Every structure is written in structure tokens, then in C-alpha cells.
C-alpha atoms as a PDB file:
ATOM      1  CA  MET A   1       5.513   1.012  -2.745  1.00  0.00           C
ATOM      2  CA  ALA A   2       4.373  -1.146  -5.652  1.00  0.00           C
ATOM      3  CA  ARG A   3       4.450   1.800  -8.055  1.00  0.00           C
ATOM      4  CA  ALA A   4       7.910   2.816  -6.871  1.00  0.00           C
ATOM      5  CA  ASN A   5       9.129  -0.722  -7.480  1.00  0.00           C
ATOM      6  CA  LEU A   6       7.620  -0.630 -10.970  1.00  0.00           C
ATOM      7  CA  ALA A   7       9.353   2.671 -11.722  1.00  0.00           C
ATOM      8  CA  ALA A   8      12.660   1.223 -10.573  1.00  0.00           C
ATOM      9  CA  ALA A   9      12.171  -1.938 -12.632  1.00  0.00           C
ATOM     10  CA  GLN A  10      11.362   0.104 -15.737  1.00  0.00           C
ATOM     11  CA  GLN A  11      14.536   2.147 -15.363  1.00  0.00           C
ATOM     12  CA  ALA A  12      16.855  -0.746 -14.524  1.00  0.00           C
ATOM     13  CA  SER A  13      19.755  -1.400 -16.796  1.00  0.00           C
ATOM     14  CA  PRO A  14      19.952  -3.900 -18.274  1.00  0.00           C
ATOM     15  CA  PHE A  15      16.211  -4.182 -18.876  1.00  0.00           C
ATOM     16  CA  ASP A  16      14.705  -7.152 -17.042  1.00  0.00           C
ATOM     17  CA  GLU A  17      11.367  -8.075 -18.598  1.00  0.00           C
ATOM     18  CA  ALA A  18      10.514 -10.571 -15.864  1.00  0.00           C
ATOM     19  CA  ALA A  19      11.112  -7.958 -13.147  1.00  0.00           C
ATOM     20  CA  VAL A  20       8.842  -5.477 -14.944  1.00  0.00           C
ATOM     21  CA  LYS A  21       6.129  -8.117 -15.357  1.00  0.00           C
ATOM     22  CA  ASP A  22       6.369  -8.958 -11.648  1.00  0.00           C
ATOM     23  CA  ALA A  23       6.235  -5.277 -10.720  1.00  0.00           C
ATOM     24  CA  VAL A  24       3.191  -4.686 -12.953  1.00  0.00           C
ATOM     25  CA  ALA A  25       1.454  -7.648 -11.315  1.00  0.00           C
ATOM     26  CA  ALA A  26       2.231  -6.206  -7.878  1.00  0.00           C
ATOM     27  CA  VAL A  27       0.732  -2.839  -8.897  1.00  0.00           C
ATOM     28  CA  ARG A  28      -2.367  -4.621 -10.169  1.00  0.00           C
ATOM     29  CA  THR A  29      -2.725  -6.504  -6.876  1.00  0.00           C
ATOM     30  CA  ALA A  30      -2.191  -3.359  -4.796  1.00  0.00           C
ATOM     31  CA  THR A  31      -4.757  -1.476  -6.891  1.00  0.00           C
ATOM     32  CA  THR A  32      -7.321  -4.250  -6.492  1.00  0.00           C
ATOM     33  CA  ASN A  33      -6.723  -4.356  -2.731  1.00  0.00           C
ATOM     34  CA  LEU A  34      -7.098  -0.585  -2.453  1.00  0.00           C
ATOM     35  CA  GLN A  35     -10.333  -0.655  -4.436  1.00  0.00           C
ATOM     36  CA  ALA A  36     -11.718  -3.396  -2.193  1.00  0.00           C
ATOM     37  CA  THR A  37     -10.806  -1.418   0.928  1.00  0.00           C
ATOM     38  CA  MET A  38     -12.415   1.759  -0.394  1.00  0.00           C
ATOM     39  CA  GLN A  39     -15.549  -0.153  -1.373  1.00  0.00           C
ATOM     40  CA  ASP A  40     -15.733  -1.594   2.148  1.00  0.00           C
ATOM     41  CA  TYR A  41     -15.514   1.951   3.559  1.00  0.00           C
ATOM     42  CA  LEU A  42     -18.212   3.086   1.149  1.00  0.00           C
ATOM     43  CA  LEU A  43     -20.488   0.255   2.235  1.00  0.00           C
ATOM     44  CA  THR A  44     -19.932   1.143   5.892  1.00  0.00           C
ATOM     45  CA  ALA A  45     -20.690   4.808   5.197  1.00  0.00           C
ATOM     46  CA  LEU A  46     -23.851   3.928   3.281  1.00  0.00           C
ATOM     47  CA  LYS A  47     -25.049   1.691   6.102  1.00  0.00           C
ATOM     48  CA  ASN A  48     -24.408   4.460   8.643  1.00  0.00           C
ATOM     49  CA  VAL A  49     -26.232   7.079   6.560  1.00  0.00           C
ATOM     50  CA  ASN A  50     -29.210   4.795   6.045  1.00  0.00           C
ATOM     51  CA  ALA A  51     -29.349   3.503   9.622  1.00  0.00           C
ATOM     52  CA  LYS A  52     -32.460   4.399  11.532  1.00  0.00           C
ATOM     53  CA  PRO A  53     -31.836   6.760  14.475  1.00  0.00           C
ATOM     54  CA  ALA A  54     -32.001   5.238  17.933  1.00  0.00           C
ATOM     55  CA  ALA A  55     -35.297   5.592  19.788  1.00  0.00           C
ATOM     56  CA  GLY A  56     -35.515   8.885  21.660  1.00  0.00           C
ATOM     57  CA  SER A  57     -33.086  10.688  19.324  1.00  0.00           C
END
């Protein structure tokens, strides 16, 4: 959604610099949040791969 809003802001007429700056900031925030989520999933996967099997397995 953030990228779609940025695309719309870039194409708006008349050009609104503040709207583009806000949209770029929203993309940056969304990207950071996505990276954090993916890194959390990676950490979970690494813990699961490195977990010792239960006794009797």
C-alpha cells in the first residue's frame, strides 16, 4: 500500500513535494517493518533447525 501511495503522489498534478516526502517516509517505514518481521522469522527458523531433538526421537 505504501508503494502505491508513493506512485500516486509522484504522479499527482500539481506536484506536491510534501505529499511525496510523506509517501517516501511511509515506504521507508514499511520496508523497515518488513525487514524486522523477516528477520524474526529467520531467527525462529534458525532456532528450530538448531534445536536438539526431544528424548526418544
